[in-house]
Structures are given as structure tokens and as C-alpha cells.
Amino acid sequence: LIKSRLCTFSKKKNSKKNMKVKVEFSGGLELLFENSKELALQYDGKDEMNIRDLINDIRDNHLKERPELFVQGGNIRPGILVLINEADWELHETYDYTVVDKDTISFISTLHGG
């Protein structure tokens, strides 16, 4: 009797996911994004990213006009509130926050013409 041993090799799974992030604009900011109040972004091969990288991606790939009304000197313009999952980003380390799958990031302008 000959017994054979079956060897099973498990394929190494990629530990990275496809991260989905919801981005919302209000208070007039939607005008800078072709009247889009919301973006559903997907980042293939990532399961997290720094919020500064997210802001740069939004500026470089989704902002349609007047970038100076959204970002100044690499930072969000004063007068724009940023919420992370409905909480002020000041509670979440502002630019050091790590965005993860299913986060909702909201940008709300408090500056209005009169």
C-alpha cells in the first residue's frame, strides 16, 4: 500500500482592500465640483490613506474650478468646516487622520456672499 500526501498551497491573499470613501460638499462648495454634493470614491489596493492625500486627490482629480476657494497653501481654506463621520476633524487629529473604508468626509463652507 502506498499512501500519497496531498500538499495544498494556499495562495497568498493581497491584504489590501478596495477602500470606499464618501465625500460630501455643502454651503456652496458643491459649485466648485460641477454642482456635485457628493462623491463616491474608490481606491483600489488601499485600505487606508492620510486625509491630506485624500484632499490632494479631490483637488487634483475632482475640483472643476477655482481651487483657491477650497485649498490654500496645501491646507483647507479657512472658513471650511471638515467633518469626519459627522464629527469635527479637530477631534480626529485634522491632517494626521487616517481615512479608512466607509468613512464619510464632509466639507462645509461657512463663507457666503452677501
Protein backbone atom coordinates (compact mmCIF):
# COMPACT_ATOMS: atom_id res chain seq x y z
CA LEU A 1 0.00 0.00 0.00
CA ILE A 2 1.35 3.37 -0.96
CA LYS A 3 -0.07 6.41 0.67
CA SER A 4 0.35 9.73 -1.02
CA ARG A 5 0.46 13.01 0.69
CA LEU A 6 -1.51 15.85 -0.78
CA CYS A 7 0.13 19.18 -0.49
CA THR A 8 -2.09 22.17 -0.57
CA PHE A 9 -0.66 25.55 -1.23
CA SER A 10 -2.70 28.49 -0.21
CA LYS A 11 -2.41 31.48 -2.41
CA LYS A 12 -1.20 34.48 -0.53
CA LYS A 13 -4.09 36.87 -0.46
CA ASN A 14 -3.49 40.53 -1.01
CA SER A 15 -4.12 42.13 2.36
CA LYS A 16 -5.13 45.39 0.77
CA LYS A 17 -8.75 46.12 0.02
CA ASN A 18 -10.66 48.43 -2.19
CA MET A 19 -11.36 51.37 0.09
CA LYS A 20 -14.57 53.31 -0.49
CA VAL A 21 -14.94 56.84 0.83
CA LYS A 22 -17.94 59.13 0.63
CA VAL A 23 -17.14 62.83 0.27
CA GLU A 24 -19.84 65.49 0.73
CA PHE A 25 -19.85 69.20 -0.18
CA SER A 26 -22.24 71.89 1.04
CA GLY A 27 -22.53 75.58 1.83
CA GLY A 28 -21.68 76.47 -1.77
CA LEU A 29 -18.63 74.21 -2.19
CA GLU A 30 -20.64 71.95 -4.48
CA LEU A 31 -20.42 74.71 -7.11
CA LEU A 32 -16.68 74.05 -7.38
CA PHE A 33 -17.44 70.42 -8.18
CA GLU A 34 -19.96 70.88 -11.02
CA ASN A 35 -22.85 71.05 -8.53
CA SER A 36 -22.00 67.65 -7.10
CA LYS A 37 -23.00 67.43 -3.48
CA GLU A 38 -21.40 64.03 -3.10
CA LEU A 39 -18.56 61.93 -4.49
CA ALA A 40 -18.31 58.17 -4.05
CA LEU A 41 -14.58 57.48 -4.31
CA GLN A 42 -12.91 54.09 -4.53
CA TYR A 43 -9.22 53.48 -4.06
CA ASP A 44 -8.20 50.08 -5.39
CA GLY A 45 -5.44 48.33 -3.49
CA LYS A 46 -5.70 50.59 -0.45
CA ASP A 47 -7.29 50.03 2.90
CA GLU A 48 -6.31 53.40 4.38
CA MET A 49 -4.83 56.75 3.42
CA ASN A 50 -3.89 60.01 5.08
CA ILE A 51 -6.58 62.67 4.85
CA ARG A 52 -4.08 65.08 3.28
CA ASP A 53 -3.68 62.60 0.40
CA LEU A 54 -7.46 62.44 0.06
CA ILE A 55 -7.69 66.25 -0.07
CA ASN A 56 -4.95 66.36 -2.72
CA ASP A 57 -6.76 63.74 -4.79
CA ILE A 58 -10.02 65.68 -4.55
CA ARG A 59 -8.24 68.88 -5.58
CA ASP A 60 -6.29 67.29 -8.45
CA ASN A 61 -8.96 64.98 -9.89
CA HIS A 62 -12.41 66.26 -8.96
CA LEU A 63 -12.26 70.03 -8.39
CA LYS A 64 -13.51 71.74 -11.54
CA GLU A 65 -12.88 75.43 -10.85
CA ARG A 66 -11.33 77.98 -8.51
CA PRO A 67 -9.08 75.72 -6.41
CA GLU A 68 -8.13 78.70 -4.21
CA LEU A 69 -11.65 78.58 -2.76
CA PHE A 70 -11.05 75.05 -1.49
CA VAL A 71 -7.33 74.77 -0.73
CA GLN A 72 -4.75 77.46 0.08
CA GLY A 73 -1.07 76.65 0.52
CA GLY A 74 -1.79 72.91 0.71
CA ASN A 75 -4.33 73.33 3.51
CA ILE A 76 -8.10 73.53 3.55
CA ARG A 77 -9.10 77.16 3.24
CA PRO A 78 -10.14 78.92 6.47
CA GLY A 79 -13.92 79.04 6.73
CA ILE A 80 -14.43 75.46 5.57
CA LEU A 81 -15.56 73.01 8.23
CA VAL A 82 -14.36 69.46 7.82
CA LEU A 83 -16.32 66.63 9.37
CA ILE A 84 -15.16 63.05 9.64
CA ASN A 85 -18.11 60.71 10.10
CA GLU A 86 -20.19 63.68 11.30
CA ALA A 87 -17.65 64.83 13.91
CA ASP A 88 -15.37 67.87 13.70
CA TRP A 89 -11.99 66.81 12.36
CA GLU A 90 -10.34 68.70 15.23
CA LEU A 91 -11.41 65.69 17.32
CA HIS A 92 -9.68 63.37 14.84
CA GLU A 93 -6.17 64.86 14.56
CA THR A 94 -7.04 67.04 11.48
CA TYR A 95 -4.40 66.42 8.78
CA ASP A 96 -2.97 63.39 10.61
CA TYR A 97 -6.24 61.46 10.44
CA THR A 98 -6.09 58.13 8.60
CA VAL A 99 -9.09 57.66 6.30
CA VAL A 100 -10.40 54.09 6.25
CA ASP A 101 -13.02 52.16 4.30
CA LYS A 102 -16.58 53.54 4.55
CA ASP A 103 -15.56 56.88 6.09
CA THR A 104 -17.65 59.93 5.20
CA ILE A 105 -15.73 63.18 4.88
CA SER A 106 -17.82 66.36 4.67
CA PHE A 107 -16.63 69.82 3.60
CA ILE A 108 -18.94 72.68 4.56
CA SER A 109 -18.27 76.26 3.61
CA THR A 110 -19.23 78.85 6.18
CA LEU A 111 -18.34 81.72 3.82
CA HIS A 112 -21.28 83.21 1.97
CA GLY A 113 -21.59 86.29 -0.17
CA GLY A 114 -23.97 88.99 0.87
